[in-house]
PDB file of N, CA and C in Angstrom:
ATOM      1  N   UNK A   1     107.410 -52.328  34.061  1.00  0.00           N
ATOM      2  CA  UNK A   1     105.898 -51.814  34.756  1.00  0.00           C
ATOM      3  C   UNK A   1     105.709 -51.010  34.575  1.00  0.00           C
ATOM      4  N   UNK A   2     104.410 -50.439  34.475  1.00  0.00           N
ATOM      5  CA  UNK A   2     103.674 -48.866  34.372  1.00  0.00           C
ATOM      6  C   UNK A   2     102.667 -49.210  35.014  1.00  0.00           C
ATOM      7  N   UNK A   3     102.303 -47.530  35.617  1.00  0.00           N
ATOM      8  CA  UNK A   3     101.041 -46.824  36.401  1.00  0.00           C
ATOM      9  C   UNK A   3     100.037 -46.926  35.020  1.00  0.00           C
ATOM     10  N   UNK A   4      99.029 -47.112  35.493  1.00  0.00           N
ATOM     11  CA  UNK A   4      98.364 -46.005  34.253  1.00  0.00           C
ATOM     12  C   UNK A   4      97.005 -45.728  35.063  1.00  0.00           C
ATOM     13  N   UNK A   5      97.192 -44.417  34.850  1.00  0.00           N
ATOM     14  CA  UNK A   5      95.904 -43.548  36.252  1.00  0.00           C
ATOM     15  C   UNK A   5      94.714 -42.951  34.831  1.00  0.00           C
ATOM     16  N   UNK A   6      93.705 -43.212  35.305  1.00  0.00           N
ATOM     17  CA  UNK A   6      92.596 -42.662  34.821  1.00  0.00           C
ATOM     18  C   UNK A   6      92.252 -41.628  35.573  1.00  0.00           C
ATOM     19  N   UNK A   7      91.509 -40.798  35.110  1.00  0.00           N
ATOM     20  CA  UNK A   7      90.760 -39.592  35.463  1.00  0.00           C
ATOM     21  C   UNK A   7      89.619 -39.499  35.195  1.00  0.00           C
ATOM     22  N   UNK A   8      89.152 -39.902  36.118  1.00  0.00           N
ATOM     23  CA  UNK A   8      87.339 -39.925  35.638  1.00  0.00           C
ATOM     24  C   UNK A   8      86.227 -38.822  36.315  1.00  0.00           C
ATOM     25  N   UNK A   9      85.670 -37.936  35.468  1.00  0.00           N
ATOM     26  CA  UNK A   9      84.831 -36.865  36.401  1.00  0.00           C
ATOM     27  C   UNK A   9      84.007 -37.081  37.011  1.00  0.00           C
ATOM     28  N   UNK A  10      83.781 -36.331  37.967  1.00  0.00           N
ATOM     29  CA  UNK A  10      82.442 -36.329  39.184  1.00  0.00           C
ATOM     30  C   UNK A  10      80.956 -36.099  38.599  1.00  0.00           C
ATOM     31  N   UNK A  11      80.980 -34.835  38.061  1.00  0.00           N
ATOM     32  CA  UNK A  11      79.813 -34.154  37.471  1.00  0.00           C
ATOM     33  C   UNK A  11      79.736 -34.598  35.729  1.00  0.00           C
ATOM     34  N   UNK A  12      78.428 -34.799  35.570  1.00  0.00           N
ATOM     35  CA  UNK A  12      78.378 -34.645  34.259  1.00  0.00           C
ATOM     36  C   UNK A  12      78.332 -33.272  33.256  1.00  0.00           C
ATOM     37  N   UNK A  13      78.062 -32.993  31.769  1.00  0.00           N
ATOM     38  CA  UNK A  13      78.556 -31.909  31.080  1.00  0.00           C
ATOM     39  C   UNK A  13      77.587 -30.977  32.155  1.00  0.00           C
ATOM     40  N   UNK A  14      76.434 -31.600  32.320  1.00  0.00           N
ATOM     41  CA  UNK A  14      75.194 -30.646  32.575  1.00  0.00           C
ATOM     42  C   UNK A  14      75.704 -30.215  34.572  1.00  0.00           C
ATOM     43  N   UNK A  15      76.732 -30.607  34.737  1.00  0.00           N
ATOM     44  CA  UNK A  15      76.371 -30.694  36.513  1.00  0.00           C
ATOM     45  C   UNK A  15      76.096 -31.105  37.284  1.00  0.00           C
ATOM     46  N   UNK A  16      75.166 -32.424  36.778  1.00  0.00           N
ATOM     47  CA  UNK A  16      74.883 -33.292  37.780  1.00  0.00           C
ATOM     48  C   UNK A  16      75.950 -34.551  38.478  1.00  0.00           C
ATOM     49  N   UNK A  17      75.522 -34.804  39.700  1.00  0.00           N
ATOM     50  CA  UNK A  17      76.839 -36.049  39.530  1.00  0.00           C
ATOM     51  C   UNK A  17      76.314 -37.234  39.479  1.00  0.00           C
ATOM     52  N   UNK A  18      77.178 -38.078  39.320  1.00  0.00           N
ATOM     53  CA  UNK A  18      77.354 -39.044  38.555  1.00  0.00           C
ATOM     54  C   UNK A  18      76.821 -40.258  39.483  1.00  0.00           C
ATOM     55  N   UNK A  19      76.450 -40.995  38.965  1.00  0.00           N
ATOM     56  CA  UNK A  19      76.179 -42.139  39.890  1.00  0.00           C
ATOM     57  C   UNK A  19      77.264 -43.051  40.129  1.00  0.00           C
ATOM     58  N   UNK A  20      77.524 -43.198  41.432  1.00  0.00           N
ATOM     59  CA  UNK A  20      78.748 -44.132  41.705  1.00  0.00           C
ATOM     60  C   UNK A  20      78.719 -45.164  41.428  1.00  0.00           C
ATOM     61  N   UNK A  21      77.660 -45.576  41.027  1.00  0.00           N
ATOM     62  CA  UNK A  21      78.017 -47.208  40.116  1.00  0.00           C
ATOM     63  C   UNK A  21      78.383 -47.476  39.288  1.00  0.00           C
ATOM     64  N   UNK A  22      79.183 -46.267  38.499  1.00  0.00           N
ATOM     65  CA  UNK A  22      79.783 -46.302  37.229  1.00  0.00           C
ATOM     66  C   UNK A  22      81.126 -46.353  37.596  1.00  0.00           C
ATOM     67  N   UNK A  23      81.638 -45.496  38.949  1.00  0.00           N
ATOM     68  CA  UNK A  23      83.210 -45.877  39.438  1.00  0.00           C
ATOM     69  C   UNK A  23      83.281 -47.373  39.734  1.00  0.00           C
ATOM     70  N   UNK A  24      82.309 -48.046  40.181  1.00  0.00           N
ATOM     71  CA  UNK A  24      82.448 -49.193  40.896  1.00  0.00           C
ATOM     72  C   UNK A  24      82.348 -50.028  39.825  1.00  0.00           C
ATOM     73  N   UNK A  25      81.435 -49.972  38.780  1.00  0.00           N
ATOM     74  CA  UNK A  25      81.866 -50.423  37.372  1.00  0.00           C
ATOM     75  C   UNK A  25      83.470 -50.811  36.856  1.00  0.00           C
ATOM     76  N   UNK A  26      83.653 -49.256  37.094  1.00  0.00           N
ATOM     77  CA  UNK A  26      85.319 -49.586  36.356  1.00  0.00           C
ATOM     78  C   UNK A  26      86.465 -49.839  37.226  1.00  0.00           C
ATOM     79  N   UNK A  27      86.182 -49.579  39.076  1.00  0.00           N
ATOM     80  CA  UNK A  27      87.042 -50.620  39.594  1.00  0.00           C
ATOM     81  C   UNK A  27      86.791 -51.955  39.310  1.00  0.00           C
ATOM     82  N   UNK A  28      85.527 -52.684  38.915  1.00  0.00           N
ATOM     83  CA  UNK A  28      85.125 -53.977  39.063  1.00  0.00           C
ATOM     84  C   UNK A  28      86.362 -54.192  37.618  1.00  0.00           C
ATOM     85  N   UNK A  29      85.926 -54.371  36.190  1.00  0.00           N
ATOM     86  CA  UNK A  29      86.559 -53.772  35.564  1.00  0.00           C
ATOM     87  C   UNK A  29      88.211 -53.890  35.589  1.00  0.00           C
ATOM     88  N   UNK A  30      88.639 -53.066  36.096  1.00  0.00           N
ATOM     89  CA  UNK A  30      89.912 -52.914  36.297  1.00  0.00           C
ATOM     90  C   UNK A  30      90.265 -54.281  37.088  1.00  0.00           C
ATOM     91  N   UNK A  31      90.088 -54.042  38.059  1.00  0.00           N
ATOM     92  CA  UNK A  31      90.697 -55.309  38.715  1.00  0.00           C
ATOM     93  C   UNK A  31      90.688 -57.126  37.878  1.00  0.00           C
ATOM     94  N   UNK A  32      89.736 -57.711  37.215  1.00  0.00           N
ATOM     95  CA  UNK A  32      89.239 -57.852  36.697  1.00  0.00           C
ATOM     96  C   UNK A  32      90.421 -58.152  35.495  1.00  0.00           C
ATOM     97  N   UNK A  33      90.695 -57.538  34.723  1.00  0.00           N
ATOM     98  CA  UNK A  33      91.282 -57.196  33.727  1.00  0.00           C
ATOM     99  C   UNK A  33      93.372 -57.395  34.308  1.00  0.00           C
ATOM    100  N   UNK A  34      93.348 -56.429  35.260  1.00  0.00           N
ATOM    101  CA  UNK A  34      95.024 -56.662  36.087  1.00  0.00           C
ATOM    102  C   UNK A  34      95.272 -57.265  37.227  1.00  0.00           C
ATOM    103  N   UNK A  35      94.206 -57.641  38.148  1.00  0.00           N
ATOM    104  CA  UNK A  35      94.131 -58.488  39.578  1.00  0.00           C
ATOM    105  C   UNK A  35      93.917 -56.942  40.422  1.00  0.00           C
ATOM    106  N   UNK A  36      94.213 -55.953  39.883  1.00  0.00           N
ATOM    107  CA  UNK A  36      93.754 -54.778  41.084  1.00  0.00           C
ATOM    108  C   UNK A  36      93.946 -53.475  40.942  1.00  0.00           C
ATOM    109  N   UNK A  37      92.981 -52.436  41.369  1.00  0.00           N
ATOM    110  CA  UNK A  37      92.985 -51.708  40.747  1.00  0.00           C
ATOM    111  C   UNK A  37      92.644 -50.532  42.245  1.00  0.00           C
ATOM    112  N   UNK A  38      93.159 -49.148  42.392  1.00  0.00           N
ATOM    113  CA  UNK A  38      93.064 -48.140  43.552  1.00  0.00           C
ATOM    114  C   UNK A  38      92.026 -47.177  43.085  1.00  0.00           C
ATOM    115  N   UNK A  39      91.394 -47.058  43.624  1.00  0.00           N
ATOM    116  CA  UNK A  39      90.562 -45.578  43.405  1.00  0.00           C
ATOM    117  C   UNK A  39      90.769 -44.292  44.258  1.00  0.00           C
ATOM    118  N   UNK A  40      91.175 -43.456  44.220  1.00  0.00           N
ATOM    119  CA  UNK A  40      90.534 -42.323  45.128  1.00  0.00           C
ATOM    120  C   UNK A  40      89.423 -41.430  44.766  1.00  0.00           C
ATOM    121  N   UNK A  41      88.867 -41.790  45.822  1.00  0.00           N
ATOM    122  CA  UNK A  41      87.113 -41.073  45.604  1.00  0.00           C
ATOM    123  C   UNK A  41      87.018 -40.577  46.726  1.00  0.00           C
ATOM    124  N   UNK A  42      87.446 -40.239  47.561  1.00  0.00           N
ATOM    125  CA  UNK A  42      86.885 -39.714  48.953  1.00  0.00           C
ATOM    126  C   UNK A  42      86.812 -38.390  48.710  1.00  0.00           C
ATOM    127  N   UNK A  43      87.983 -37.998  48.555  1.00  0.00           N
ATOM    128  CA  UNK A  43      88.216 -36.329  48.164  1.00  0.00           C
ATOM    129  C   UNK A  43      87.972 -36.151  46.816  1.00  0.00           C
ATOM    130  N   UNK A  44      87.569 -36.119  45.965  1.00  0.00           N
ATOM    131  CA  UNK A  44      87.795 -35.535  44.683  1.00  0.00           C
ATOM    132  C   UNK A  44      89.231 -34.304  44.250  1.00  0.00           C
ATOM    133  N   UNK A  45      89.775 -34.256  43.178  1.00  0.00           N
ATOM    134  CA  UNK A  45      90.586 -33.738  42.811  1.00  0.00           C
ATOM    135  C   UNK A  45      90.240 -32.919  42.015  1.00  0.00           C
ATOM    136  N   UNK A  46      90.873 -31.679  42.510  1.00  0.00           N
ATOM    137  CA  UNK A  46      90.147 -30.670  41.247  1.00  0.00           C
ATOM    138  C   UNK A  46      91.005 -30.743  39.971  1.00  0.00           C
ATOM    139  N   UNK A  47      90.863 -30.566  38.744  1.00  0.00           N
ATOM    140  CA  UNK A  47      91.407 -30.128  37.675  1.00  0.00           C
ATOM    141  C   UNK A  47      91.300 -28.888  37.136  1.00  0.00           C
ATOM    142  N   UNK A  48      91.731 -28.071  36.903  1.00  0.00           N
ATOM    143  CA  UNK A  48      91.809 -27.228  35.921  1.00  0.00           C
ATOM    144  C   UNK A  48      92.349 -27.462  34.726  1.00  0.00           C
ATOM    145  N   UNK A  49      91.615 -26.890  33.219  1.00  0.00           N
ATOM    146  CA  UNK A  49      91.681 -27.074  32.078  1.00  0.00           C
ATOM    147  C   UNK A  49      91.827 -25.622  31.130  1.00  0.00           C
ATOM    148  N   UNK A  50      92.271 -25.741  30.524  1.00  0.00           N
ATOM    149  CA  UNK A  50      92.005 -24.628  29.222  1.00  0.00           C
ATOM    150  C   UNK A  50      91.513 -25.042  28.040  1.00  0.00           C
ATOM    151  N   UNK A  51      90.294 -24.527  27.470  1.00  0.00           N
ATOM    152  CA  UNK A  51      89.408 -25.562  26.515  1.00  0.00           C
ATOM    153  C   UNK A  51      90.032 -24.854  25.215  1.00  0.00           C
ATOM    154  N   UNK A  52      89.496 -24.610  24.251  1.00  0.00           N
ATOM    155  CA  UNK A  52      89.718 -24.390  23.005  1.00  0.00           C
ATOM    156  C   UNK A  52      89.595 -22.933  22.889  1.00  0.00           C
ATOM    157  N   UNK A  53      88.628 -22.132  23.198  1.00  0.00           N
ATOM    158  CA  UNK A  53      89.066 -20.672  23.136  1.00  0.00           C
ATOM    159  C   UNK A  53      89.612 -20.076  24.018  1.00  0.00           C
ATOM    160  N   UNK A  54      90.590 -20.696  25.171  1.00  0.00           N
ATOM    161  CA  UNK A  54      91.324 -20.126  26.434  1.00  0.00           C
ATOM    162  C   UNK A  54      91.049 -20.023  27.779  1.00  0.00           C
ATOM    163  N   UNK A  55      89.092 -20.280  28.095  1.00  0.00           N
ATOM    164  CA  UNK A  55      88.372 -20.516  29.206  1.00  0.00           C
ATOM    165  C   UNK A  55      89.165 -21.409  30.093  1.00  0.00           C
ATOM    166  N   UNK A  56      89.146 -21.399  31.337  1.00  0.00           N
ATOM    167  CA  UNK A  56      89.719 -22.173  32.169  1.00  0.00           C
ATOM    168  C   UNK A  56      88.230 -23.035  32.807  1.00  0.00           C
ATOM    169  N   UNK A  57      88.499 -24.539  32.350  1.00  0.00           N
ATOM    170  CA  UNK A  57      87.239 -25.093  32.584  1.00  0.00           C
ATOM    171  C   UNK A  57      87.413 -25.811  34.292  1.00  0.00           C
ATOM    172  N   UNK A  58      86.658 -26.038  34.960  1.00  0.00           N
ATOM    173  CA  UNK A  58      86.803 -27.115  36.414  1.00  0.00           C
ATOM    174  C   UNK A  58      86.531 -28.165  36.198  1.00  0.00           C
ATOM    175  N   UNK A  59      87.086 -29.473  36.740  1.00  0.00           N
ATOM    176  CA  UNK A  59      86.559 -30.557  36.985  1.00  0.00           C
ATOM    177  C   UNK A  59      86.871 -31.395  38.274  1.00  0.00           C
ATOM    178  N   UNK A  60      85.886 -31.599  38.670  1.00  0.00           N
ATOM    179  CA  UNK A  60      86.299 -32.635  40.011  1.00  0.00           C
ATOM    180  C   UNK A  60      86.211 -33.795  39.552  1.00  0.00           C
ATOM    181  N   UNK A  61      87.236 -34.509  39.549  1.00  0.00           N
ATOM    182  CA  UNK A  61      87.793 -36.386  38.922  1.00  0.00           C
ATOM    183  C   UNK A  61      88.102 -36.934  39.990  1.00  0.00           C
ATOM    184  N   UNK A  62      88.099 -38.125  39.923  1.00  0.00           N
ATOM    185  CA  UNK A  62      88.419 -39.926  41.210  1.00  0.00           C
ATOM    186  C   UNK A  62      89.597 -40.033  39.880  1.00  0.00           C
ATOM    187  N   UNK A  63      90.425 -39.859  40.935  1.00  0.00           N
ATOM    188  CA  UNK A  63      91.399 -40.836  40.304  1.00  0.00           C
ATOM    189  C   UNK A  63      91.584 -42.569  40.415  1.00  0.00           C
ATOM    190  N   UNK A  64      91.822 -43.208  39.491  1.00  0.00           N
ATOM    191  CA  UNK A  64      91.935 -44.876  39.440  1.00  0.00           C
ATOM    192  C   UNK A  64      93.558 -45.210  39.083  1.00  0.00           C
ATOM    193  N   UNK A  65      94.521 -45.816  39.429  1.00  0.00           N
ATOM    194  CA  UNK A  65      94.935 -46.051  39.416  1.00  0.00           C
ATOM    195  C   UNK A  65      95.547 -47.926  39.135  1.00  0.00           C
ATOM    196  N   UNK A  66      95.714 -48.074  38.435  1.00  0.00           N
ATOM    197  CA  UNK A  66      96.315 -50.337  37.792  1.00  0.00           C
ATOM    198  C   UNK A  66      97.958 -49.987  37.843  1.00  0.00           C
ATOM    199  N   UNK A  67      98.386 -51.117  37.978  1.00  0.00           N
ATOM    200  CA  UNK A  67      99.682 -51.576  38.056  1.00  0.00           C
ATOM    201  C   UNK A  67      99.677 -53.005  36.688  1.00  0.00           C
ATOM    202  N   UNK A  68     100.406 -52.568  35.543  1.00  0.00           N
ATOM    203  CA  UNK A  68      99.979 -53.624  34.238  1.00  0.00           C
ATOM    204  C   UNK A  68     101.863 -53.512  33.828  1.00  0.00           C
ATOM    205  N   UNK A  69     102.093 -55.261  33.765  1.00  0.00           N
ATOM    206  CA  UNK A  69     103.434 -55.757  33.334  1.00  0.00           C
ATOM    207  C   UNK A  69     103.594 -55.089  32.291  1.00  0.00           C
ATOM    208  N   UNK A  70     102.928 -54.783  30.717  1.00  0.00           N
ATOM    209  CA  UNK A  70     102.953 -54.398  29.278  1.00  0.00           C
ATOM    210  C   UNK A  70     101.747 -53.503  29.348  1.00  0.00           C
ATOM    211  N   UNK A  71     102.094 -52.676  28.587  1.00  0.00           N
ATOM    212  CA  UNK A  71     100.974 -51.325  28.273  1.00  0.00           C
ATOM    213  C   UNK A  71      99.862 -52.025  26.844  1.00  0.00           C
ATOM    214  N   UNK A  72      99.127 -52.433  26.485  1.00  0.00           N
ATOM    215  CA  UNK A  72      98.290 -52.834  25.573  1.00  0.00           C
ATOM    216  C   UNK A  72      97.328 -50.957  25.265  1.00  0.00           C
ATOM    217  N   UNK A  73      98.153 -50.653  23.837  1.00  0.00           N
ATOM    218  CA  UNK A  73      97.791 -49.700  24.166  1.00  0.00           C
ATOM    219  C   UNK A  73      96.239 -49.182  23.487  1.00  0.00           C
ATOM    220  N   UNK A  74      96.147 -50.511  22.198  1.00  0.00           N
ATOM    221  CA  UNK A  74      95.201 -50.362  21.585  1.00  0.00           C
ATOM    222  C   UNK A  74      94.024 -51.217  22.864  1.00  0.00           C
ATOM    223  N   UNK A  75      94.310 -51.952  24.019  1.00  0.00           N
ATOM    224  CA  UNK A  75      92.940 -51.944  24.186  1.00  0.00           C
ATOM    225  C   UNK A  75      92.639 -50.591  25.398  1.00  0.00           C
ATOM    226  N   UNK A  76      93.291 -50.375  25.567  1.00  0.00           N
ATOM    227  CA  UNK A  76      93.279 -49.428  26.507  1.00  0.00           C
ATOM    228  C   UNK A  76      92.544 -47.878  25.816  1.00  0.00           C
ATOM    229  N   UNK A  77      92.869 -47.831  24.360  1.00  0.00           N
ATOM    230  CA  UNK A  77      92.304 -46.701  23.279  1.00  0.00           C
ATOM    231  C   UNK A  77      90.378 -46.997  23.509  1.00  0.00           C
ATOM    232  N   UNK A  78      90.263 -48.640  23.319  1.00  0.00           N
ATOM    233  CA  UNK A  78      88.789 -49.123  23.255  1.00  0.00           C
ATOM    234  C   UNK A  78      88.391 -49.285  24.515  1.00  0.00           C
ATOM    235  N   UNK A  79      88.959 -48.665  25.401  1.00  0.00           N
ATOM    236  CA  UNK A  79      88.675 -48.734  27.196  1.00  0.00           C
ATOM    237  C   UNK A  79      88.292 -46.801  27.186  1.00  0.00           C
ATOM    238  N   UNK A  80      88.987 -46.406  26.591  1.00  0.00           N
ATOM    239  CA  UNK A  80      89.350 -44.917  26.756  1.00  0.00           C
ATOM    240  C   UNK A  80      87.462 -44.311  26.047  1.00  0.00           C
ATOM    241  N   UNK A  81      87.418 -45.098  24.861  1.00  0.00           N
ATOM    242  CA  UNK A  81      86.705 -44.818  24.210  1.00  0.00           C
ATOM    243  C   UNK A  81      84.948 -45.458  24.762  1.00  0.00           C
ATOM    244  N   UNK A  82      85.370 -46.748  25.377  1.00  0.00           N
ATOM    245  CA  UNK A  82      84.060 -46.808  26.480  1.00  0.00           C
ATOM    246  C   UNK A  82      83.513 -46.065  27.471  1.00  0.00           C
ATOM    247  N   UNK A  83      84.950 -45.191  28.038  1.00  0.00           N
ATOM    248  CA  UNK A  83      84.491 -44.617  29.090  1.00  0.00           C
ATOM    249  C   UNK A  83      83.429 -43.588  29.219  1.00  0.00           C
ATOM    250  N   UNK A  84      84.349 -42.617  27.833  1.00  0.00           N
ATOM    251  CA  UNK A  84      83.681 -41.285  27.164  1.00  0.00           C
ATOM    252  C   UNK A  84      82.127 -41.942  27.206  1.00  0.00           C
ATOM    253  N   UNK A  85      81.835 -42.322  26.601  1.00  0.00           N
ATOM    254  CA  UNK A  85      80.476 -42.871  26.562  1.00  0.00           C
ATOM    255  C   UNK A  85      79.938 -43.213  27.353  1.00  0.00           C
ATOM    256  N   UNK A  86      80.389 -43.894  28.549  1.00  0.00           N
ATOM    257  CA  UNK A  86      79.309 -44.004  29.598  1.00  0.00           C
ATOM    258  C   UNK A  86      79.363 -42.501  30.944  1.00  0.00           C
ATOM    259  N   UNK A  87      80.559 -42.375  30.698  1.00  0.00           N
ATOM    260  CA  UNK A  87      80.462 -41.090  31.083  1.00  0.00           C
ATOM    261  C   UNK A  87      80.227 -40.056  30.601  1.00  0.00           C
ATOM    262  N   UNK A  88      80.077 -40.041  28.975  1.00  0.00           N
ATOM    263  CA  UNK A  88      78.838 -38.780  28.411  1.00  0.00           C
ATOM    264  C   UNK A  88      80.394 -37.527  28.651  1.00  0.00           C
ATOM    265  N   UNK A  89      81.564 -38.224  27.839  1.00  0.00           N
ATOM    266  CA  UNK A  89      82.732 -37.057  28.017  1.00  0.00           C
ATOM    267  C   UNK A  89      83.465 -36.858  26.785  1.00  0.00           C
ATOM    268  N   UNK A  90      83.144 -35.591  25.888  1.00  0.00           N
ATOM    269  CA  UNK A  90      84.455 -35.468  25.093  1.00  0.00           C
ATOM    270  C   UNK A  90      85.703 -36.539  24.840  1.00  0.00           C
ATOM    271  N   UNK A  91      85.895 -36.552  26.505  1.00  0.00           N
ATOM    272  CA  UNK A  91      87.514 -36.670  26.672  1.00  0.00           C
ATOM    273  C   UNK A  91      88.160 -37.128  28.074  1.00  0.00           C
ATOM    274  N   UNK A  92      88.104 -38.619  28.120  1.00  0.00           N
ATOM    275  CA  UNK A  92      88.911 -39.259  29.457  1.00  0.00           C
ATOM    276  C   UNK A  92      90.139 -39.186  29.300  1.00  0.00           C
ATOM    277  N   UNK A  93      90.514 -38.501  30.076  1.00  0.00           N
ATOM    278  CA  UNK A  93      92.256 -38.834  29.914  1.00  0.00           C
ATOM    279  C   UNK A  93      92.837 -40.107  30.915  1.00  0.00           C
ATOM    280  N   UNK A  94      93.734 -40.943  30.359  1.00  0.00           N
ATOM    281  CA  UNK A  94      94.106 -41.809  30.788  1.00  0.00           C
ATOM    282  C   UNK A  94      95.662 -41.908  30.402  1.00  0.00           C
ATOM    283  N   UNK A  95      96.244 -41.540  31.715  1.00  0.00           N
ATOM    284  CA  UNK A  95      97.845 -41.462  31.536  1.00  0.00           C
ATOM    285  C   UNK A  95      98.983 -43.017  31.841  1.00  0.00           C
ATOM    286  N   UNK A  96      99.589 -42.969  31.221  1.00  0.00           N
ATOM    287  CA  UNK A  96     100.501 -44.250  31.557  1.00  0.00           C
ATOM    288  C   UNK A  96     102.446 -43.667  31.920  1.00  0.00           C
ATOM    289  N   UNK A  97     102.852 -44.169  32.754  1.00  0.00           N
ATOM    290  CA  UNK A  97     104.163 -44.006  33.377  1.00  0.00           C
ATOM    291  C   UNK A  97     105.005 -45.376  33.779  1.00  0.00           C
ATOM    292  N   UNK A  98     106.029 -45.344  33.042  1.00  0.00           N
ATOM    293  CA  UNK A  98     106.920 -46.365  33.349  1.00  0.00           C
ATOM    294  C   UNK A  98     107.277 -45.809  34.641  1.00  0.00           C
ATOM    295  N   UNK A  99     107.326 -47.665  35.877  1.00  0.00           N
ATOM    296  CA  UNK A  99     107.407 -47.047  36.610  1.00  0.00           C
ATOM    297  C   UNK A  99     108.425 -48.584  37.873  1.00  0.00           C
ATOM    298  N   UNK A 100     109.546 -48.356  38.682  1.00  0.00           N
ATOM    299  CA  UNK A 100     109.947 -49.418  38.505  1.00  0.00           C
ATOM    300  C   UNK A 100     109.514 -49.536  40.723  1.00  0.00           C
ATOM    301  N   UNK A 101     109.037 -50.795  40.693  1.00  0.00           N
ATOM    302  CA  UNK A 101     108.737 -50.945  41.872  1.00  0.00           C
ATOM    303  C   UNK A 101     109.500 -51.493  42.605  1.00  0.00           C
ATOM    304  N   UNK A 102     110.196 -50.948  43.869  1.00  0.00           N
ATOM    305  CA  UNK A 102     110.658 -50.958  44.691  1.00  0.00           C
ATOM    306  C   UNK A 102     110.859 -52.504  45.803  1.00  0.00           C
TER     307      UNK A 102
END
């Protein structure tokens, strides 16, 4: 079993808050594909990261999680590209971890 986590930005690169409908579309697509999804959207997480120049950048992000029996890397690569376009980001972080369901 795999836990897949998507970190989606709350604001675009110009600092404008992204439309809630974008997050609803992601959740709906993941429910359709995997049978369920959890979005931690009430209190955005704060993410700090160093850019190529070493400057620290900050993102407010919504964490979306899904569980999947198998990890289809090609599907996730295509979906990541779709999200990067929709959210107007250079990179959207999607990570996967093997988990044991107790």
